[in-house]
Amino acid sequence: MRILDLFPETTHAYGWVRCVEAGRPSDIALECVVDAGVPTVFFTQSFCAKQDLAHYLAEKHRGLAIDCHREMNDSILAKVEAFLKLS
C-alpha cells in the first residue's frame, strides 16, 4: 500500500473501481470517463482483459499505464513518482 503515499490527498479512483462502487461493474462508458488535464495513472494486471483498455486510455489522455501483477516493486514506484512530479 506504500504506493498510495505517492499520490496527493485529492486523488480520485476511477476506472473499474469507480464502476464497482457505483454498482455498475460492466459499465464501459463510465469506466472510460477521465478528467481532462489531470495526471492519471492507469493500473492493469498482466493478462487482464482490461489491459488493452488501460493502455488505450493512457495513450489517449497522456497518462501512464502500469502493468503490475501481485507486487509493487521499486521500479514501478519510481515510474509513478516521476510521472506525477513531471506532470
PDB file of N, CA and C in Angstrom:
ATOM      1  N   MET A   1       0.811  -1.203   0.000  1.00  0.00           N
ATOM      2  CA  MET A   1       0.000   0.000   0.000  1.00  0.00           C
ATOM      3  C   MET A   1       0.855   1.268   0.000  1.00  0.00           C
ATOM      4  N   ARG A   2       2.166   1.119   0.000  1.00  0.00           N
ATOM      5  CA  ARG A   2       3.022   2.304   0.035  1.00  0.00           C
ATOM      6  C   ARG A   2       2.899   3.156  -1.218  1.00  0.00           C
ATOM      7  N   ILE A   3       2.338   2.611  -2.279  1.00  0.00           N
ATOM      8  CA  ILE A   3       2.155   3.416  -3.483  1.00  0.00           C
ATOM      9  C   ILE A   3       1.186   4.565  -3.230  1.00  0.00           C
ATOM     10  N   LEU A   4       0.270   4.386  -2.310  1.00  0.00           N
ATOM     11  CA  LEU A   4      -0.686   5.446  -2.006  1.00  0.00           C
ATOM     12  C   LEU A   4      -0.005   6.704  -1.468  1.00  0.00           C
ATOM     13  N   ASP A   5       1.152   6.543  -0.862  1.00  0.00           N
ATOM     14  CA  ASP A   5       1.894   7.697  -0.335  1.00  0.00           C
ATOM     15  C   ASP A   5       2.368   8.640  -1.442  1.00  0.00           C
ATOM     16  N   LEU A   6       2.448   8.158  -2.671  1.00  0.00           N
ATOM     17  CA  LEU A   6       2.907   8.977  -3.789  1.00  0.00           C
ATOM     18  C   LEU A   6       1.846   9.952  -4.288  1.00  0.00           C
ATOM     19  N   PHE A   7       0.603   9.637  -4.029  1.00  0.00           N
ATOM     20  CA  PHE A   7      -0.492  10.438  -4.567  1.00  0.00           C
ATOM     21  C   PHE A   7      -0.947  11.504  -3.578  1.00  0.00           C
ATOM     22  N   PRO A   8      -1.395  12.675  -4.097  1.00  0.00           N
ATOM     23  CA  PRO A   8      -1.897  13.729  -3.206  1.00  0.00           C
ATOM     24  C   PRO A   8      -3.211  13.324  -2.552  1.00  0.00           C
ATOM     25  N   GLU A   9      -3.560  14.022  -1.503  1.00  0.00           N
ATOM     26  CA  GLU A   9      -4.801  13.727  -0.763  1.00  0.00           C
ATOM     27  C   GLU A   9      -6.047  13.864  -1.645  1.00  0.00           C
ATOM     28  N   THR A  10      -5.972  14.683  -2.681  1.00  0.00           N
ATOM     29  CA  THR A  10      -7.124  14.938  -3.546  1.00  0.00           C
ATOM     30  C   THR A  10      -7.290  13.902  -4.660  1.00  0.00           C
ATOM     31  N   THR A  11      -6.535  12.820  -4.600  1.00  0.00           N
ATOM     32  CA  THR A  11      -6.586  11.783  -5.630  1.00  0.00           C
ATOM     33  C   THR A  11      -7.956  11.109  -5.651  1.00  0.00           C
ATOM     34  N   HIS A  12      -8.414  10.804  -6.870  1.00  0.00           N
ATOM     35  CA  HIS A  12      -9.676  10.081  -7.061  1.00  0.00           C
ATOM     36  C   HIS A  12      -9.385   8.746  -7.724  1.00  0.00           C
ATOM     37  N   ALA A  13     -10.187   7.746  -7.409  1.00  0.00           N
ATOM     38  CA  ALA A  13     -10.071   6.435  -8.056  1.00  0.00           C
ATOM     39  C   ALA A  13     -11.141   6.342  -9.132  1.00  0.00           C
ATOM     40  N   TYR A  14     -10.710   6.058 -10.356  1.00  0.00           N
ATOM     41  CA  TYR A  14     -11.631   5.947 -11.476  1.00  0.00           C
ATOM     42  C   TYR A  14     -11.565   4.542 -12.051  1.00  0.00           C
ATOM     43  N   GLY A  15     -12.061   4.398 -13.272  1.00  0.00           N
ATOM     44  CA  GLY A  15     -12.000   3.115 -13.947  1.00  0.00           C
ATOM     45  C   GLY A  15     -12.932   2.100 -13.328  1.00  0.00           C
ATOM     46  N   TRP A  16     -12.485   0.865 -13.341  1.00  0.00           N
ATOM     47  CA  TRP A  16     -13.315  -0.235 -12.872  1.00  0.00           C
ATOM     48  C   TRP A  16     -13.676  -0.087 -11.397  1.00  0.00           C
ATOM     49  N   VAL A  17     -12.772   0.473 -10.602  1.00  0.00           N
ATOM     50  CA  VAL A  17     -13.052   0.666  -9.167  1.00  0.00           C
ATOM     51  C   VAL A  17     -14.288   1.553  -8.985  1.00  0.00           C
ATOM     52  N   ARG A  18     -14.343   2.643  -9.737  1.00  0.00           N
ATOM     53  CA  ARG A  18     -15.494   3.540  -9.639  1.00  0.00           C
ATOM     54  C   ARG A  18     -16.764   2.830 -10.090  1.00  0.00           C
ATOM     55  N   CYS A  19     -16.664   2.005 -11.127  1.00  0.00           N
ATOM     56  CA  CYS A  19     -17.832   1.269 -11.610  1.00  0.00           C
ATOM     57  C   CYS A  19     -18.368   0.333 -10.535  1.00  0.00           C
ATOM     58  N   VAL A  20     -17.479  -0.379  -9.864  1.00  0.00           N
ATOM     59  CA  VAL A  20     -17.886  -1.288  -8.792  1.00  0.00           C
ATOM     60  C   VAL A  20     -18.543  -0.500  -7.662  1.00  0.00           C
ATOM     61  N   GLU A  21     -17.943   0.627  -7.274  1.00  0.00           N
ATOM     62  CA  GLU A  21     -18.528   1.450  -6.211  1.00  0.00           C
ATOM     63  C   GLU A  21     -19.923   1.941  -6.585  1.00  0.00           C
ATOM     64  N   ALA A  22     -20.140   2.203  -7.878  1.00  0.00           N
ATOM     65  CA  ALA A  22     -21.443   2.672  -8.350  1.00  0.00           C
ATOM     66  C   ALA A  22     -22.435   1.529  -8.575  1.00  0.00           C
ATOM     67  N   GLY A  23     -21.990   0.275  -8.362  1.00  0.00           N
ATOM     68  CA  GLY A  23     -22.855  -0.874  -8.571  1.00  0.00           C
ATOM     69  C   GLY A  23     -23.048  -1.203 -10.040  1.00  0.00           C
ATOM     70  N   ARG A  24     -22.111  -0.739 -10.900  1.00  0.00           N
ATOM     71  CA  ARG A  24     -22.210  -0.966 -12.344  1.00  0.00           C
ATOM     72  C   ARG A  24     -20.860  -1.476 -12.875  1.00  0.00           C
ATOM     73  N   PRO A  25     -20.404  -2.653 -12.452  1.00  0.00           N
ATOM     74  CA  PRO A  25     -19.068  -3.135 -12.809  1.00  0.00           C
ATOM     75  C   PRO A  25     -18.839  -3.375 -14.299  1.00  0.00           C
ATOM     76  N   SER A  26     -19.895  -3.457 -15.085  1.00  0.00           N
ATOM     77  CA  SER A  26     -19.704  -3.699 -16.519  1.00  0.00           C
ATOM     78  C   SER A  26     -20.013  -2.474 -17.373  1.00  0.00           C
ATOM     79  N   ASP A  27     -20.047  -1.286 -16.768  1.00  0.00           N
ATOM     80  CA  ASP A  27     -20.360  -0.044 -17.484  1.00  0.00           C
ATOM     81  C   ASP A  27     -19.095   0.515 -18.131  1.00  0.00           C
ATOM     82  N   ILE A  28     -18.831   0.117 -19.373  1.00  0.00           N
ATOM     83  CA  ILE A  28     -17.608   0.522 -20.064  1.00  0.00           C
ATOM     84  C   ILE A  28     -17.571   2.029 -20.300  1.00  0.00           C
ATOM     85  N   ALA A  29     -18.716   2.667 -20.524  1.00  0.00           N
ATOM     86  CA  ALA A  29     -18.745   4.117 -20.733  1.00  0.00           C
ATOM     87  C   ALA A  29     -18.277   4.841 -19.472  1.00  0.00           C
ATOM     88  N   LEU A  30     -18.758   4.433 -18.310  1.00  0.00           N
ATOM     89  CA  LEU A  30     -18.329   5.043 -17.052  1.00  0.00           C
ATOM     90  C   LEU A  30     -16.856   4.768 -16.798  1.00  0.00           C
ATOM     91  N   GLU A  31     -16.408   3.589 -17.130  1.00  0.00           N
ATOM     92  CA  GLU A  31     -15.015   3.222 -16.912  1.00  0.00           C
ATOM     93  C   GLU A  31     -14.057   4.080 -17.745  1.00  0.00           C
ATOM     94  N   CYS A  32     -14.530   4.564 -18.873  1.00  0.00           N
ATOM     95  CA  CYS A  32     -13.677   5.356 -19.774  1.00  0.00           C
ATOM     96  C   CYS A  32     -13.691   6.849 -19.475  1.00  0.00           C
ATOM     97  N   VAL A  33     -14.472   7.291 -18.505  1.00  0.00           N
ATOM     98  CA  VAL A  33     -14.516   8.721 -18.159  1.00  0.00           C
ATOM     99  C   VAL A  33     -13.265   9.091 -17.367  1.00  0.00           C
ATOM    100  N   VAL A  34     -12.524  10.071 -17.903  1.00  0.00           N
ATOM    101  CA  VAL A  34     -11.287  10.539 -17.276  1.00  0.00           C
ATOM    102  C   VAL A  34     -11.296  12.057 -17.316  1.00  0.00           C
ATOM    103  N   ASP A  35     -10.926  12.709 -16.224  1.00  0.00           N
ATOM    104  CA  ASP A  35     -10.855  14.162 -16.204  1.00  0.00           C
ATOM    105  C   ASP A  35      -9.716  14.649 -17.087  1.00  0.00           C
ATOM    106  N   ALA A  36     -10.024  15.529 -18.016  1.00  0.00           N
ATOM    107  CA  ALA A  36      -9.013  16.065 -18.938  1.00  0.00           C
ATOM    108  C   ALA A  36      -7.984  16.892 -18.176  1.00  0.00           C
ATOM    109  N   GLY A  37      -6.733  16.733 -18.552  1.00  0.00           N
ATOM    110  CA  GLY A  37      -5.671  17.551 -17.980  1.00  0.00           C
ATOM    111  C   GLY A  37      -5.181  17.129 -16.605  1.00  0.00           C
ATOM    112  N   VAL A  38      -5.732  16.078 -16.056  1.00  0.00           N
ATOM    113  CA  VAL A  38      -5.321  15.600 -14.736  1.00  0.00           C
ATOM    114  C   VAL A  38      -4.352  14.436 -14.931  1.00  0.00           C
ATOM    115  N   PRO A  39      -3.161  14.484 -14.323  1.00  0.00           N
ATOM    116  CA  PRO A  39      -2.231  13.354 -14.457  1.00  0.00           C
ATOM    117  C   PRO A  39      -2.908  12.074 -13.955  1.00  0.00           C
ATOM    118  N   THR A  40      -2.979  11.087 -14.821  1.00  0.00           N
ATOM    119  CA  THR A  40      -3.707   9.875 -14.490  1.00  0.00           C
ATOM    120  C   THR A  40      -2.834   8.648 -14.703  1.00  0.00           C
ATOM    121  N   VAL A  41      -2.830   7.773 -13.709  1.00  0.00           N
ATOM    122  CA  VAL A  41      -2.103   6.513 -13.785  1.00  0.00           C
ATOM    123  C   VAL A  41      -3.132   5.407 -13.977  1.00  0.00           C
ATOM    124  N   PHE A  42      -2.937   4.617 -15.019  1.00  0.00           N
ATOM    125  CA  PHE A  42      -3.844   3.519 -15.339  1.00  0.00           C
ATOM    126  C   PHE A  42      -3.154   2.214 -14.965  1.00  0.00           C
ATOM    127  N   PHE A  43      -3.672   1.554 -13.953  1.00  0.00           N
ATOM    128  CA  PHE A  43      -3.100   0.294 -13.489  1.00  0.00           C
ATOM    129  C   PHE A  43      -3.826  -0.875 -14.144  1.00  0.00           C
ATOM    130  N   THR A  44      -3.081  -1.898 -14.460  1.00  0.00           N
ATOM    131  CA  THR A  44      -3.658  -3.124 -15.001  1.00  0.00           C
ATOM    132  C   THR A  44      -2.812  -4.300 -14.530  1.00  0.00           C
ATOM    133  N   GLN A  45      -3.401  -5.463 -14.559  1.00  0.00           N
ATOM    134  CA  GLN A  45      -2.672  -6.680 -14.218  1.00  0.00           C
ATOM    135  C   GLN A  45      -2.346  -7.436 -15.494  1.00  0.00           C
ATOM    136  N   SER A  46      -1.214  -8.111 -15.484  1.00  0.00           N
ATOM    137  CA  SER A  46      -0.822  -8.920 -16.631  1.00  0.00           C
ATOM    138  C   SER A  46      -1.938  -9.897 -16.988  1.00  0.00           C
ATOM    139  N   PHE A  47      -2.213 -10.004 -18.254  1.00  0.00           N
ATOM    140  CA  PHE A  47      -3.203 -10.923 -18.801  1.00  0.00           C
ATOM    141  C   PHE A  47      -4.642 -10.585 -18.413  1.00  0.00           C
ATOM    142  N   CYS A  48      -4.876  -9.397 -17.892  1.00  0.00           N
ATOM    143  CA  CYS A  48      -6.238  -8.959 -17.577  1.00  0.00           C
ATOM    144  C   CYS A  48      -6.943  -8.552 -18.868  1.00  0.00           C
ATOM    145  N   ALA A  49      -8.213  -8.857 -18.959  1.00  0.00           N
ATOM    146  CA  ALA A  49      -8.980  -8.483 -20.145  1.00  0.00           C
ATOM    147  C   ALA A  49      -9.027  -6.968 -20.339  1.00  0.00           C
ATOM    148  N   LYS A  50      -8.834  -6.207 -19.284  1.00  0.00           N
ATOM    149  CA  LYS A  50      -8.889  -4.742 -19.351  1.00  0.00           C
ATOM    150  C   LYS A  50      -7.520  -4.123 -19.669  1.00  0.00           C
ATOM    151  N   GLN A  51      -6.504  -4.922 -19.889  1.00  0.00           N
ATOM    152  CA  GLN A  51      -5.163  -4.398 -20.124  1.00  0.00           C
ATOM    153  C   GLN A  51      -5.110  -3.496 -21.353  1.00  0.00           C
ATOM    154  N   ASP A  52      -5.732  -3.900 -22.444  1.00  0.00           N
ATOM    155  CA  ASP A  52      -5.735  -3.072 -23.650  1.00  0.00           C
ATOM    156  C   ASP A  52      -6.450  -1.746 -23.405  1.00  0.00           C
ATOM    157  N   LEU A  53      -7.523  -1.778 -22.646  1.00  0.00           N
ATOM    158  CA  LEU A  53      -8.253  -0.552 -22.330  1.00  0.00           C
ATOM    159  C   LEU A  53      -7.373   0.411 -21.532  1.00  0.00           C
ATOM    160  N   ALA A  54      -6.645  -0.091 -20.558  1.00  0.00           N
ATOM    161  CA  ALA A  54      -5.764   0.757 -19.749  1.00  0.00           C
ATOM    162  C   ALA A  54      -4.698   1.413 -20.611  1.00  0.00           C
ATOM    163  N   HIS A  55      -4.097   0.654 -21.498  1.00  0.00           N
ATOM    164  CA  HIS A  55      -3.066   1.206 -22.377  1.00  0.00           C
ATOM    165  C   HIS A  55      -3.661   2.218 -23.362  1.00  0.00           C
ATOM    166  N   TYR A  56      -4.834   1.938 -23.881  1.00  0.00           N
ATOM    167  CA  TYR A  56      -5.518   2.854 -24.791  1.00  0.00           C
ATOM    168  C   TYR A  56      -5.830   4.181 -24.092  1.00  0.00           C
ATOM    169  N   LEU A  57      -6.405   4.097 -22.890  1.00  0.00           N
ATOM    170  CA  LEU A  57      -6.758   5.322 -22.159  1.00  0.00           C
ATOM    171  C   LEU A  57      -5.525   6.118 -21.754  1.00  0.00           C
ATOM    172  N   ALA A  58      -4.464   5.432 -21.385  1.00  0.00           N
ATOM    173  CA  ALA A  58      -3.221   6.132 -21.030  1.00  0.00           C
ATOM    174  C   ALA A  58      -2.684   6.905 -22.224  1.00  0.00           C
ATOM    175  N   GLU A  59      -2.721   6.292 -23.378  1.00  0.00           N
ATOM    176  CA  GLU A  59      -2.232   6.982 -24.581  1.00  0.00           C
ATOM    177  C   GLU A  59      -3.149   8.145 -24.955  1.00  0.00           C
ATOM    178  N   LYS A  60      -4.433   7.918 -24.889  1.00  0.00           N
ATOM    179  CA  LYS A  60      -5.413   8.942 -25.259  1.00  0.00           C
ATOM    180  C   LYS A  60      -5.334  10.157 -24.348  1.00  0.00           C
ATOM    181  N   HIS A  61      -5.114   9.937 -23.058  1.00  0.00           N
ATOM    182  CA  HIS A  61      -5.147  11.028 -22.078  1.00  0.00           C
ATOM    183  C   HIS A  61      -3.763  11.442 -21.589  1.00  0.00           C
ATOM    184  N   ARG A  62      -2.723  10.997 -22.285  1.00  0.00           N
ATOM    185  CA  ARG A  62      -1.340  11.317 -21.923  1.00  0.00           C
ATOM    186  C   ARG A  62      -1.049  10.903 -20.479  1.00  0.00           C
ATOM    187  N   GLY A  63      -1.544   9.742 -20.123  1.00  0.00           N
ATOM    188  CA  GLY A  63      -1.345   9.196 -18.785  1.00  0.00           C
ATOM    189  C   GLY A  63      -0.219   8.180 -18.773  1.00  0.00           C
ATOM    190  N   LEU A  64      -0.137   7.457 -17.701  1.00  0.00           N
ATOM    191  CA  LEU A  64       0.879   6.435 -17.520  1.00  0.00           C
ATOM    192  C   LEU A  64       0.195   5.094 -17.313  1.00  0.00           C
ATOM    193  N   ALA A  65       0.526   4.118 -18.146  1.00  0.00           N
ATOM    194  CA  ALA A  65      -0.006   2.768 -17.991  1.00  0.00           C
ATOM    195  C   ALA A  65       1.003   1.936 -17.206  1.00  0.00           C
ATOM    196  N   ILE A  66       0.555   1.318 -16.148  1.00  0.00           N
ATOM    197  CA  ILE A  66       1.401   0.474 -15.312  1.00  0.00           C
ATOM    198  C   ILE A  66       0.837  -0.938 -15.317  1.00  0.00           C
ATOM    199  N   ASP A  67       1.654  -1.870 -15.751  1.00  0.00           N
ATOM    200  CA  ASP A  67       1.289  -3.278 -15.749  1.00  0.00           C
ATOM    201  C   ASP A  67       1.928  -3.910 -14.515  1.00  0.00           C
ATOM    202  N   CYS A  68       1.102  -4.325 -13.604  1.00  0.00           N
ATOM    203  CA  CYS A  68       1.627  -4.846 -12.334  1.00  0.00           C
ATOM    204  C   CYS A  68       0.839  -6.088 -11.945  1.00  0.00           C
ATOM    205  N   HIS A  69       1.558  -7.093 -11.576  1.00  0.00           N
ATOM    206  CA  HIS A  69       0.909  -8.334 -11.156  1.00  0.00           C
ATOM    207  C   HIS A  69       1.471  -8.753  -9.798  1.00  0.00           C
ATOM    208  N   ARG A  70       0.644  -8.742  -8.818  1.00  0.00           N
ATOM    209  CA  ARG A  70       0.950  -9.167  -7.454  1.00  0.00           C
ATOM    210  C   ARG A  70       1.693  -8.135  -6.614  1.00  0.00           C
ATOM    211  N   GLU A  71       2.924  -7.746  -7.001  1.00  0.00           N
ATOM    212  CA  GLU A  71       3.661  -6.864  -6.098  1.00  0.00           C
ATOM    213  C   GLU A  71       4.068  -5.563  -6.772  1.00  0.00           C
ATOM    214  N   MET A  72       4.093  -4.507  -5.990  1.00  0.00           N
ATOM    215  CA  MET A  72       4.508  -3.195  -6.427  1.00  0.00           C
ATOM    216  C   MET A  72       5.991  -3.066  -6.080  1.00  0.00           C
ATOM    217  N   ASN A  73       6.866  -3.122  -7.081  1.00  0.00           N
ATOM    218  CA  ASN A  73       8.297  -3.065  -6.794  1.00  0.00           C
ATOM    219  C   ASN A  73       8.830  -1.625  -6.877  1.00  0.00           C
ATOM    220  N   ASP A  74      10.103  -1.441  -6.553  1.00  0.00           N
ATOM    221  CA  ASP A  74      10.699  -0.103  -6.539  1.00  0.00           C
ATOM    222  C   ASP A  74      10.707   0.541  -7.920  1.00  0.00           C
ATOM    223  N   SER A  75      10.854  -0.240  -8.968  1.00  0.00           N
ATOM    224  CA  SER A  75      10.846   0.295 -10.328  1.00  0.00           C
ATOM    225  C   SER A  75       9.492   0.915 -10.662  1.00  0.00           C
ATOM    226  N   ILE A  76       8.430   0.234 -10.329  1.00  0.00           N
ATOM    227  CA  ILE A  76       7.086   0.752 -10.579  1.00  0.00           C
ATOM    228  C   ILE A  76       6.847   1.997  -9.745  1.00  0.00           C
ATOM    229  N   LEU A  77       7.240   1.964  -8.487  1.00  0.00           N
ATOM    230  CA  LEU A  77       7.073   3.139  -7.632  1.00  0.00           C
ATOM    231  C   LEU A  77       7.819   4.342  -8.204  1.00  0.00           C
ATOM    232  N   ALA A  78       9.028   4.123  -8.708  1.00  0.00           N
ATOM    233  CA  ALA A  78       9.817   5.219  -9.279  1.00  0.00           C
ATOM    234  C   ALA A  78       9.161   5.787 -10.534  1.00  0.00           C
ATOM    235  N   LYS A  79       8.593   4.938 -11.376  1.00  0.00           N
ATOM    236  CA  LYS A  79       7.904   5.401 -12.576  1.00  0.00           C
ATOM    237  C   LYS A  79       6.707   6.274 -12.225  1.00  0.00           C
ATOM    238  N   VAL A  80       5.917   5.814 -11.274  1.00  0.00           N
ATOM    239  CA  VAL A  80       4.734   6.570 -10.861  1.00  0.00           C
ATOM    240  C   VAL A  80       5.135   7.904 -10.241  1.00  0.00           C
ATOM    241  N   GLU A  81       6.118   7.866  -9.352  1.00  0.00           N
ATOM    242  CA  GLU A  81       6.582   9.091  -8.697  1.00  0.00           C
ATOM    243  C   GLU A  81       7.093  10.105  -9.727  1.00  0.00           C
ATOM    244  N   ALA A  82       7.905   9.661 -10.667  1.00  0.00           N
ATOM    245  CA  ALA A  82       8.440  10.550 -11.692  1.00  0.00           C
ATOM    246  C   ALA A  82       7.320  11.127 -12.551  1.00  0.00           C
ATOM    247  N   PHE A  83       6.367  10.282 -12.940  1.00  0.00           N
ATOM    248  CA  PHE A  83       5.247  10.749 -13.755  1.00  0.00           C
ATOM    249  C   PHE A  83       4.450  11.830 -13.024  1.00  0.00           C
ATOM    250  N   LEU A  84       4.146  11.599 -11.763  1.00  0.00           N
ATOM    251  CA  LEU A  84       3.373  12.570 -11.000  1.00  0.00           C
ATOM    252  C   LEU A  84       4.117  13.885 -10.797  1.00  0.00           C
ATOM    253  N   LYS A  85       5.418  13.804 -10.549  1.00  0.00           N
ATOM    254  CA  LYS A  85       6.204  15.023 -10.324  1.00  0.00           C
ATOM    255  C   LYS A  85       6.421  15.818 -11.613  1.00  0.00           C
ATOM    256  N   LEU A  86       6.516  15.128 -12.750  1.00  0.00           N
ATOM    257  CA  LEU A  86       6.794  15.799 -14.010  1.00  0.00           C
ATOM    258  C   LEU A  86       5.538  16.220 -14.768  1.00  0.00           C
ATOM    259  N   SER A  87       4.382  15.797 -14.290  1.00  0.00           N
ATOM    260  CA  SER A  87       3.117  16.125 -14.982  1.00  0.00           C
ATOM    261  C   SER A  87       2.577  17.459 -14.540  1.00  0.00           C
TER     262      SER A  87
END
